[in-house]
Each structure stands twice: as C-alpha cells, then as structure tokens.
Full PDB file with SEQRES, HELIX, SHEET, SSBOND, CRYST1, ORIGX, SCALE, CONECT and MASTER records, all heavy atoms in Angstrom:
SEQRES   1 A   37  MET PRO GLY GLU PRO GLY ALA TYR GLU LEU THR LYS MET          
SEQRES   2 A   37  GLY VAL LEU ALA ASP ALA ARG GLY THR GLY ALA GLY ALA          
SEQRES   3 A   37  ALA LEU LEU ALA ALA LEU ILE ASP ARG ALA ARG                  
HELIX    1 AA1 ALA A   17  ALA A   19  5                                   3    
HELIX    2 AA2 ALA A   24  ALA A   36  1                                  13    
CRYST1    1.000    1.000    1.000  90.00  90.00  90.00 P 1           1          
ORIGX1      1.000000  0.000000  0.000000        0.00000                         
ORIGX2      0.000000  1.000000  0.000000        0.00000                         
ORIGX3      0.000000  0.000000  1.000000        0.00000                         
SCALE1      1.000000  0.000000  0.000000        0.00000                         
SCALE2      0.000000  1.000000  0.000000        0.00000                         
SCALE3      0.000000  0.000000  1.000000        0.00000                         
ATOM      1  N   MET A   1       0.846  -1.169   0.008  1.00  0.00           N  
ATOM      2  CA  MET A   1      -0.014  -0.041  -0.016  1.00  0.00           C  
ATOM      3  C   MET A   1       0.880   1.245   0.013  1.00  0.00           C  
ATOM      4  O   MET A   1       1.736   1.398   0.889  1.00  0.00           O  
ATOM      5  CB  MET A   1      -0.929  -0.005   1.203  1.00  0.00           C  
ATOM      6  CG  MET A   1      -1.947   1.162   1.214  1.00  0.00           C  
ATOM      7  SD  MET A   1      -3.276   0.932   2.442  1.00  0.00           S  
ATOM      8  CE  MET A   1      -2.333   0.882   3.952  1.00  0.00           C  
ATOM      9  N   PRO A   2       0.705   2.110  -0.975  1.00  0.00           N  
ATOM     10  CA  PRO A   2       1.465   3.359  -1.035  1.00  0.00           C  
ATOM     11  C   PRO A   2       1.160   4.267   0.142  1.00  0.00           C  
ATOM     12  O   PRO A   2      -0.011   4.334   0.559  1.00  0.00           O  
ATOM     13  CB  PRO A   2       1.070   4.032  -2.324  1.00  0.00           C  
ATOM     14  CG  PRO A   2      -0.099   3.312  -2.846  1.00  0.00           C  
ATOM     15  CD  PRO A   2      -0.300   2.024  -2.069  1.00  0.00           C  
ATOM     16  N   GLY A   3       2.190   4.873   0.678  1.00  0.00           N  
ATOM     17  CA  GLY A   3       2.007   5.839   1.809  1.00  0.00           C  
ATOM     18  C   GLY A   3       2.562   7.215   1.337  1.00  0.00           C  
ATOM     19  O   GLY A   3       2.225   7.670   0.282  1.00  0.00           O  
ATOM     20  N   GLU A   4       3.500   7.672   2.136  1.00  0.00           N  
ATOM     21  CA  GLU A   4       4.173   8.916   1.653  1.00  0.00           C  
ATOM     22  C   GLU A   4       4.997   8.657   0.440  1.00  0.00           C  
ATOM     23  O   GLU A   4       5.308   7.507   0.105  1.00  0.00           O  
ATOM     24  CB  GLU A   4       4.980   9.562   2.800  1.00  0.00           C  
ATOM     25  CG  GLU A   4       6.029   8.696   3.429  1.00  0.00           C  
ATOM     26  CD  GLU A   4       6.716   9.301   4.634  1.00  0.00           C  
ATOM     27  OE1 GLU A   4       6.031   9.750   5.526  1.00  0.00           O  
ATOM     28  OE2 GLU A   4       7.975   9.346   4.608  1.00  0.00           O  
ATOM     29  N   PRO A   5       5.369   9.657  -0.309  1.00  0.00           N  
ATOM     30  CA  PRO A   5       6.099   9.435  -1.599  1.00  0.00           C  
ATOM     31  C   PRO A   5       7.307   8.515  -1.410  1.00  0.00           C  
ATOM     32  O   PRO A   5       8.106   8.742  -0.496  1.00  0.00           O  
ATOM     33  CB  PRO A   5       6.571  10.839  -2.009  1.00  0.00           C  
ATOM     34  CG  PRO A   5       5.502  11.742  -1.465  1.00  0.00           C  
ATOM     35  CD  PRO A   5       5.166  11.090  -0.094  1.00  0.00           C  
ATOM     36  N   GLY A   6       7.396   7.481  -2.249  1.00  0.00           N  
ATOM     37  CA  GLY A   6       8.496   6.528  -2.211  1.00  0.00           C  
ATOM     38  C   GLY A   6       8.391   5.450  -1.201  1.00  0.00           C  
ATOM     39  O   GLY A   6       9.205   4.560  -1.166  1.00  0.00           O  
ATOM     40  N   ALA A   7       7.376   5.487  -0.305  1.00  0.00           N  
ATOM     41  CA  ALA A   7       7.222   4.528   0.751  1.00  0.00           C  
ATOM     42  C   ALA A   7       5.951   3.666   0.493  1.00  0.00           C  
ATOM     43  O   ALA A   7       4.875   4.198   0.187  1.00  0.00           O  
ATOM     44  CB  ALA A   7       7.121   5.215   2.090  1.00  0.00           C  
ATOM     45  N   TYR A   8       6.189   2.355   0.635  1.00  0.00           N  
ATOM     46  CA  TYR A   8       5.091   1.365   0.545  1.00  0.00           C  
ATOM     47  C   TYR A   8       5.050   0.525   1.811  1.00  0.00           C  
ATOM     48  O   TYR A   8       6.141   0.065   2.289  1.00  0.00           O  
ATOM     49  CB  TYR A   8       5.262   0.476  -0.674  1.00  0.00           C  
ATOM     50  CG  TYR A   8       4.806   1.153  -1.988  1.00  0.00           C  
ATOM     51  CD1 TYR A   8       5.648   2.095  -2.591  1.00  0.00           C  
ATOM     52  CD2 TYR A   8       3.604   0.773  -2.580  1.00  0.00           C  
ATOM     53  CE1 TYR A   8       5.228   2.701  -3.749  1.00  0.00           C  
ATOM     54  CE2 TYR A   8       3.199   1.415  -3.737  1.00  0.00           C  
ATOM     55  CZ  TYR A   8       4.059   2.319  -4.366  1.00  0.00           C  
ATOM     56  OH  TYR A   8       3.644   2.937  -5.537  1.00  0.00           O  
ATOM     57  N   GLU A   9       3.878   0.284   2.289  1.00  0.00           N  
ATOM     58  CA  GLU A   9       3.649  -0.615   3.442  1.00  0.00           C  
ATOM     59  C   GLU A   9       3.289  -1.963   2.971  1.00  0.00           C  
ATOM     60  O   GLU A   9       2.341  -2.160   2.221  1.00  0.00           O  
ATOM     61  CB  GLU A   9       2.570  -0.057   4.343  1.00  0.00           C  
ATOM     62  CG  GLU A   9       2.325  -0.936   5.559  1.00  0.00           C  
ATOM     63  CD  GLU A   9       1.137  -0.468   6.364  1.00  0.00           C  
ATOM     64  OE1 GLU A   9       0.529   0.533   6.009  1.00  0.00           O  
ATOM     65  OE2 GLU A   9       0.858  -1.134   7.334  1.00  0.00           O  
ATOM     66  N   LEU A  10       4.045  -2.968   3.386  1.00  0.00           N  
ATOM     67  CA  LEU A  10       3.621  -4.380   3.219  1.00  0.00           C  
ATOM     68  C   LEU A  10       2.534  -4.615   4.287  1.00  0.00           C  
ATOM     69  O   LEU A  10       2.827  -4.458   5.470  1.00  0.00           O  
ATOM     70  CB  LEU A  10       4.762  -5.320   3.402  1.00  0.00           C  
ATOM     71  CG  LEU A  10       4.414  -6.817   3.358  1.00  0.00           C  
ATOM     72  CD1 LEU A  10       4.257  -7.259   1.914  1.00  0.00           C  
ATOM     73  CD2 LEU A  10       5.379  -7.620   4.081  1.00  0.00           C  
ATOM     74  N   THR A  11       1.340  -4.844   3.857  1.00  0.00           N  
ATOM     75  CA  THR A  11       0.184  -4.869   4.802  1.00  0.00           C  
ATOM     76  C   THR A  11      -0.773  -5.894   4.434  1.00  0.00           C  
ATOM     77  O   THR A  11      -0.795  -6.489   3.380  1.00  0.00           O  
ATOM     78  CB  THR A  11      -0.439  -3.439   4.803  1.00  0.00           C  
ATOM     79  OG1 THR A  11      -1.413  -3.383   5.965  1.00  0.00           O  
ATOM     80  CG2 THR A  11      -1.120  -3.071   3.570  1.00  0.00           C  
ATOM     81  N   LYS A  12      -1.642  -6.161   5.369  1.00  0.00           N  
ATOM     82  CA  LYS A  12      -2.806  -7.034   5.209  1.00  0.00           C  
ATOM     83  C   LYS A  12      -2.370  -8.388   4.619  1.00  0.00           C  
ATOM     84  O   LYS A  12      -2.930  -8.861   3.636  1.00  0.00           O  
ATOM     85  CB  LYS A  12      -3.918  -6.415   4.313  1.00  0.00           C  
ATOM     86  CG  LYS A  12      -4.399  -5.124   4.895  1.00  0.00           C  
ATOM     87  CD  LYS A  12      -5.112  -5.326   6.274  1.00  0.00           C  
ATOM     88  CE  LYS A  12      -5.634  -4.016   6.810  1.00  0.00           C  
ATOM     89  NZ  LYS A  12      -4.668  -3.381   7.741  1.00  0.00           N  
ATOM     90  N   MET A  13      -1.323  -8.926   5.214  1.00  0.00           N  
ATOM     91  CA  MET A  13      -0.836 -10.179   4.784  1.00  0.00           C  
ATOM     92  C   MET A  13      -1.323 -11.273   5.736  1.00  0.00           C  
ATOM     93  O   MET A  13      -1.015 -11.224   6.911  1.00  0.00           O  
ATOM     94  CB  MET A  13       0.702 -10.264   4.706  1.00  0.00           C  
ATOM     95  CG  MET A  13       1.169 -11.535   4.066  1.00  0.00           C  
ATOM     96  SD  MET A  13       2.897 -11.479   3.634  1.00  0.00           S  
ATOM     97  CE  MET A  13       3.299 -13.142   4.006  1.00  0.00           C  
ATOM     98  N   GLY A  14      -2.053 -12.236   5.187  1.00  0.00           N  
ATOM     99  CA  GLY A  14      -2.605 -13.327   6.039  1.00  0.00           C  
ATOM    100  C   GLY A  14      -2.731 -14.585   5.247  1.00  0.00           C  
ATOM    101  O   GLY A  14      -2.893 -14.512   4.008  1.00  0.00           O  
ATOM    102  N   VAL A  15      -2.698 -15.688   5.977  1.00  0.00           N  
ATOM    103  CA  VAL A  15      -2.892 -17.017   5.352  1.00  0.00           C  
ATOM    104  C   VAL A  15      -3.983 -17.714   6.154  1.00  0.00           C  
ATOM    105  O   VAL A  15      -3.995 -17.599   7.418  1.00  0.00           O  
ATOM    106  CB  VAL A  15      -1.563 -17.802   5.399  1.00  0.00           C  
ATOM    107  CG1 VAL A  15      -1.795 -19.275   4.849  1.00  0.00           C  
ATOM    108  CG2 VAL A  15      -0.594 -17.112   4.466  1.00  0.00           C  
ATOM    109  N   LEU A  16      -4.848 -18.412   5.518  1.00  0.00           N  
ATOM    110  CA  LEU A  16      -5.872 -19.160   6.259  1.00  0.00           C  
ATOM    111  C   LEU A  16      -5.258 -20.090   7.266  1.00  0.00           C  
ATOM    112  O   LEU A  16      -4.159 -20.709   6.950  1.00  0.00           O  
ATOM    113  CB  LEU A  16      -6.751 -19.990   5.306  1.00  0.00           C  
ATOM    114  CG  LEU A  16      -7.652 -19.199   4.340  1.00  0.00           C  
ATOM    115  CD1 LEU A  16      -8.310 -20.136   3.338  1.00  0.00           C  
ATOM    116  CD2 LEU A  16      -8.675 -18.414   5.103  1.00  0.00           C  
ATOM    117  N   ALA A  17      -5.859 -20.311   8.390  1.00  0.00           N  
ATOM    118  CA  ALA A  17      -5.293 -21.145   9.482  1.00  0.00           C  
ATOM    119  C   ALA A  17      -4.919 -22.526   8.985  1.00  0.00           C  
ATOM    120  O   ALA A  17      -3.825 -23.029   9.322  1.00  0.00           O  
ATOM    121  CB  ALA A  17      -6.257 -21.223  10.663  1.00  0.00           C  
ATOM    122  N   ASP A  18      -5.754 -23.131   8.156  1.00  0.00           N  
ATOM    123  CA  ASP A  18      -5.441 -24.510   7.743  1.00  0.00           C  
ATOM    124  C   ASP A  18      -4.469 -24.562   6.619  1.00  0.00           C  
ATOM    125  O   ASP A  18      -4.003 -25.664   6.237  1.00  0.00           O  
ATOM    126  CB  ASP A  18      -6.750 -25.276   7.361  1.00  0.00           C  
ATOM    127  CG  ASP A  18      -7.490 -24.657   6.224  1.00  0.00           C  
ATOM    128  OD1 ASP A  18      -7.044 -23.568   5.704  1.00  0.00           O  
ATOM    129  OD2 ASP A  18      -8.530 -25.210   5.786  1.00  0.00           O  
ATOM    130  N   ALA A  19      -3.934 -23.433   6.176  1.00  0.00           N  
ATOM    131  CA  ALA A  19      -2.888 -23.460   5.127  1.00  0.00           C  
ATOM    132  C   ALA A  19      -1.560 -22.992   5.685  1.00  0.00           C  
ATOM    133  O   ALA A  19      -0.587 -22.947   5.009  1.00  0.00           O  
ATOM    134  CB  ALA A  19      -3.309 -22.492   3.950  1.00  0.00           C  
ATOM    135  N   ARG A  20      -1.493 -22.659   6.992  1.00  0.00           N  
ATOM    136  CA  ARG A  20      -0.286 -22.218   7.612  1.00  0.00           C  
ATOM    137  C   ARG A  20       0.638 -23.424   7.699  1.00  0.00           C  
ATOM    138  O   ARG A  20       0.230 -24.537   7.865  1.00  0.00           O  
ATOM    139  CB  ARG A  20      -0.529 -21.649   8.973  1.00  0.00           C  
ATOM    140  CG  ARG A  20      -1.276 -20.300   8.883  1.00  0.00           C  
ATOM    141  CD  ARG A  20      -1.503 -19.616  10.160  1.00  0.00           C  
ATOM    142  NE  ARG A  20      -2.454 -18.512   9.934  1.00  0.00           N  
ATOM    143  CZ  ARG A  20      -3.397 -18.137  10.752  1.00  0.00           C  
ATOM    144  NH1 ARG A  20      -3.563 -18.761  11.913  1.00  0.00           N  
ATOM    145  NH2 ARG A  20      -4.157 -17.117  10.449  1.00  0.00           N  
ATOM    146  N   GLY A  21       1.954 -23.175   7.442  1.00  0.00           N  
ATOM    147  CA  GLY A  21       2.948 -24.233   7.433  1.00  0.00           C  
ATOM    148  C   GLY A  21       3.093 -24.934   6.108  1.00  0.00           C  
ATOM    149  O   GLY A  21       3.912 -25.814   5.934  1.00  0.00           O  
ATOM    150  N   THR A  22       2.345 -24.442   5.069  1.00  0.00           N  
ATOM    151  CA  THR A  22       2.465 -25.047   3.735  1.00  0.00           C  
ATOM    152  C   THR A  22       3.419 -24.249   2.835  1.00  0.00           C  
ATOM    153  O   THR A  22       3.624 -24.704   1.709  1.00  0.00           O  
ATOM    154  CB  THR A  22       1.084 -25.018   3.068  1.00  0.00           C  
ATOM    155  OG1 THR A  22       0.684 -23.668   2.824  1.00  0.00           O  
ATOM    156  CG2 THR A  22       0.050 -25.806   3.868  1.00  0.00           C  
ATOM    157  N   GLY A  23       3.966 -23.220   3.311  1.00  0.00           N  
ATOM    158  CA  GLY A  23       4.845 -22.393   2.469  1.00  0.00           C  
ATOM    159  C   GLY A  23       4.068 -21.272   1.762  1.00  0.00           C  
ATOM    160  O   GLY A  23       4.698 -20.459   1.043  1.00  0.00           O  
ATOM    161  N   ALA A  24       2.808 -21.177   1.953  1.00  0.00           N  
ATOM    162  CA  ALA A  24       2.016 -20.168   1.302  1.00  0.00           C  
ATOM    163  C   ALA A  24       2.443 -18.757   1.670  1.00  0.00           C  
ATOM    164  O   ALA A  24       2.597 -17.886   0.820  1.00  0.00           O  
ATOM    165  CB  ALA A  24       0.497 -20.341   1.582  1.00  0.00           C  
ATOM    166  N   GLY A  25       2.713 -18.559   2.966  1.00  0.00           N  
ATOM    167  CA  GLY A  25       3.112 -17.201   3.463  1.00  0.00           C  
ATOM    168  C   GLY A  25       4.464 -16.822   2.886  1.00  0.00           C  
ATOM    169  O   GLY A  25       4.650 -15.745   2.423  1.00  0.00           O  
ATOM    170  N   ALA A  26       5.403 -17.713   2.833  1.00  0.00           N  
ATOM    171  CA  ALA A  26       6.699 -17.456   2.326  1.00  0.00           C  
ATOM    172  C   ALA A  26       6.653 -17.134   0.854  1.00  0.00           C  
ATOM    173  O   ALA A  26       7.297 -16.225   0.354  1.00  0.00           O  
ATOM    174  CB  ALA A  26       7.702 -18.605   2.595  1.00  0.00           C  
ATOM    175  N   ALA A  27       5.890 -17.935   0.089  1.00  0.00           N  
ATOM    176  CA  ALA A  27       5.752 -17.733  -1.326  1.00  0.00           C  
ATOM    177  C   ALA A  27       5.076 -16.321  -1.629  1.00  0.00           C  
ATOM    178  O   ALA A  27       5.478 -15.586  -2.504  1.00  0.00           O  
ATOM    179  CB  ALA A  27       4.911 -18.823  -1.997  1.00  0.00           C  
ATOM    180  N   LEU A  28       4.044 -16.053  -0.844  1.00  0.00           N  
ATOM    181  CA  LEU A  28       3.344 -14.772  -1.017  1.00  0.00           C  
ATOM    182  C   LEU A  28       4.264 -13.583  -0.705  1.00  0.00           C  
ATOM    183  O   LEU A  28       4.387 -12.620  -1.396  1.00  0.00           O  
ATOM    184  CB  LEU A  28       2.130 -14.749  -0.123  1.00  0.00           C  
ATOM    185  CG  LEU A  28       1.137 -13.585  -0.229  1.00  0.00           C  
ATOM    186  CD1 LEU A  28       0.605 -13.479  -1.672  1.00  0.00           C  
ATOM    187  CD2 LEU A  28       0.000 -13.816   0.708  1.00  0.00           C  
ATOM    188  N   LEU A  29       5.021 -13.716   0.433  1.00  0.00           N  
ATOM    189  CA  LEU A  29       5.966 -12.645   0.798  1.00  0.00           C  
ATOM    190  C   LEU A  29       7.034 -12.421  -0.243  1.00  0.00           C  
ATOM    191  O   LEU A  29       7.366 -11.304  -0.625  1.00  0.00           O  
ATOM    192  CB  LEU A  29       6.582 -12.976   2.163  1.00  0.00           C  
ATOM    193  CG  LEU A  29       7.594 -11.960   2.736  1.00  0.00           C  
ATOM    194  CD1 LEU A  29       6.973 -10.580   2.867  1.00  0.00           C  
ATOM    195  CD2 LEU A  29       8.135 -12.468   4.042  1.00  0.00           C  
ATOM    196  N   ALA A  30       7.551 -13.521  -0.737  1.00  0.00           N  
ATOM    197  CA  ALA A  30       8.612 -13.373  -1.848  1.00  0.00           C  
ATOM    198  C   ALA A  30       8.052 -12.700  -3.098  1.00  0.00           C  
ATOM    199  O   ALA A  30       8.716 -11.837  -3.670  1.00  0.00           O  
ATOM    200  CB  ALA A  30       9.163 -14.798  -2.195  1.00  0.00           C  
ATOM    201  N   ALA A  31       6.812 -13.045  -3.473  1.00  0.00           N  
ATOM    202  CA  ALA A  31       6.179 -12.384  -4.527  1.00  0.00           C  
ATOM    203  C   ALA A  31       5.922 -10.916  -4.339  1.00  0.00           C  
ATOM    204  O   ALA A  31       6.126 -10.085  -5.209  1.00  0.00           O  
ATOM    205  CB  ALA A  31       4.886 -13.117  -4.956  1.00  0.00           C  
ATOM    206  N   LEU A  32       5.487 -10.559  -3.146  1.00  0.00           N  
ATOM    207  CA  LEU A  32       5.301  -9.161  -2.745  1.00  0.00           C  
ATOM    208  C   LEU A  32       6.573  -8.372  -2.816  1.00  0.00           C  
ATOM    209  O   LEU A  32       6.643  -7.228  -3.333  1.00  0.00           O  
ATOM    210  CB  LEU A  32       4.593  -9.017  -1.460  1.00  0.00           C  
ATOM    211  CG  LEU A  32       3.137  -9.403  -1.481  1.00  0.00           C  
ATOM    212  CD1 LEU A  32       2.599  -9.692  -0.107  1.00  0.00           C  
ATOM    213  CD2 LEU A  32       2.277  -8.325  -2.171  1.00  0.00           C  
ATOM    214  N   ILE A  33       7.664  -8.986  -2.301  1.00  0.00           N  
ATOM    215  CA  ILE A  33       8.976  -8.268  -2.310  1.00  0.00           C  
ATOM    216  C   ILE A  33       9.433  -8.045  -3.737  1.00  0.00           C  
ATOM    217  O   ILE A  33       9.926  -7.004  -4.156  1.00  0.00           O  
ATOM    218  CB  ILE A  33       9.969  -9.023  -1.501  1.00  0.00           C  
ATOM    219  CG1 ILE A  33       9.690  -8.976  -0.001  1.00  0.00           C  
ATOM    220  CG2 ILE A  33      11.441  -8.552  -1.753  1.00  0.00           C  
ATOM    221  CD1 ILE A  33      10.502  -9.911   0.887  1.00  0.00           C  
ATOM    222  N   ASP A  34       9.258  -9.094  -4.601  1.00  0.00           N  
ATOM    223  CA  ASP A  34       9.601  -8.921  -6.024  1.00  0.00           C  
ATOM    224  C   ASP A  34       8.805  -7.861  -6.702  1.00  0.00           C  
ATOM    225  O   ASP A  34       9.337  -7.075  -7.452  1.00  0.00           O  
ATOM    226  CB  ASP A  34       9.365 -10.254  -6.777  1.00  0.00           C  
ATOM    227  CG  ASP A  34      10.426 -11.296  -6.488  1.00  0.00           C  
ATOM    228  OD1 ASP A  34      11.489 -10.957  -5.907  1.00  0.00           O  
ATOM    229  OD2 ASP A  34      10.188 -12.534  -6.824  1.00  0.00           O  
ATOM    230  N   ARG A  35       7.529  -7.787  -6.401  1.00  0.00           N  
ATOM    231  CA  ARG A  35       6.691  -6.694  -6.963  1.00  0.00           C  
ATOM    232  C   ARG A  35       7.130  -5.328  -6.418  1.00  0.00           C  
ATOM    233  O   ARG A  35       7.139  -4.369  -7.180  1.00  0.00           O  
ATOM    234  CB  ARG A  35       5.254  -6.931  -6.578  1.00  0.00           C  
ATOM    235  CG  ARG A  35       4.641  -8.094  -7.366  1.00  0.00           C  
ATOM    236  CD  ARG A  35       4.504  -7.893  -8.877  1.00  0.00           C  
ATOM    237  NE  ARG A  35       3.645  -6.848  -9.257  1.00  0.00           N  
ATOM    238  CZ  ARG A  35       2.358  -6.993  -9.480  1.00  0.00           C  
ATOM    239  NH1 ARG A  35       1.733  -8.152  -9.346  1.00  0.00           N  
ATOM    240  NH2 ARG A  35       1.613  -5.928  -9.851  1.00  0.00           N  
ATOM    241  N   ALA A  36       7.518  -5.259  -5.167  1.00  0.00           N  
ATOM    242  CA  ALA A  36       7.983  -3.988  -4.575  1.00  0.00           C  
ATOM    243  C   ALA A  36       9.179  -3.490  -5.285  1.00  0.00           C  
ATOM    244  O   ALA A  36       9.342  -2.314  -5.613  1.00  0.00           O  
ATOM    245  CB  ALA A  36       8.222  -4.140  -3.087  1.00  0.00           C  
ATOM    246  N   ARG A  37      10.127  -4.428  -5.550  1.00  0.00           N  
ATOM    247  CA  ARG A  37      11.393  -4.004  -6.222  1.00  0.00           C  
ATOM    248  C   ARG A  37      11.097  -3.406  -7.609  1.00  0.00           C  
ATOM    249  O   ARG A  37      11.892  -2.606  -8.145  1.00  0.00           O  
ATOM    250  CB  ARG A  37      12.278  -5.230  -6.437  1.00  0.00           C  
ATOM    251  CG  ARG A  37      12.962  -5.672  -5.154  1.00  0.00           C  
ATOM    252  CD  ARG A  37      13.969  -6.782  -5.486  1.00  0.00           C  
ATOM    253  NE  ARG A  37      14.654  -7.216  -4.295  1.00  0.00           N  
ATOM    254  CZ  ARG A  37      14.604  -8.508  -3.822  1.00  0.00           C  
ATOM    255  NH1 ARG A  37      13.862  -9.379  -4.449  1.00  0.00           N  
ATOM    256  NH2 ARG A  37      15.242  -8.775  -2.757  1.00  0.00           N  
TER     257      ARG A  37                                                      
MASTER        0    0    0    2    0    0    0    6  256    1    0    3          
END                                                                             
C-alpha cells in the first residue's frame, strides 16, 4: 500500500489457518517483495 512518496507498506498479509505451514506465506511474501522491487 502506497504511503508517503516513495514509501510502501507491506500490509494485510494473512494465510488461512489450515494453510499455515504449507509455504503459502513465504511464497506470497517473496512475490510481494519482487513486486515492490
């Protein structure tokens, strides 16, 4: 989410309880970091 100029907040990141531990969070985080770059 864009904030002040040049700054983005990684926010509202969640994984369903029954999908935790499957690597979904890590995959999602990596994709978000790639998009941020």
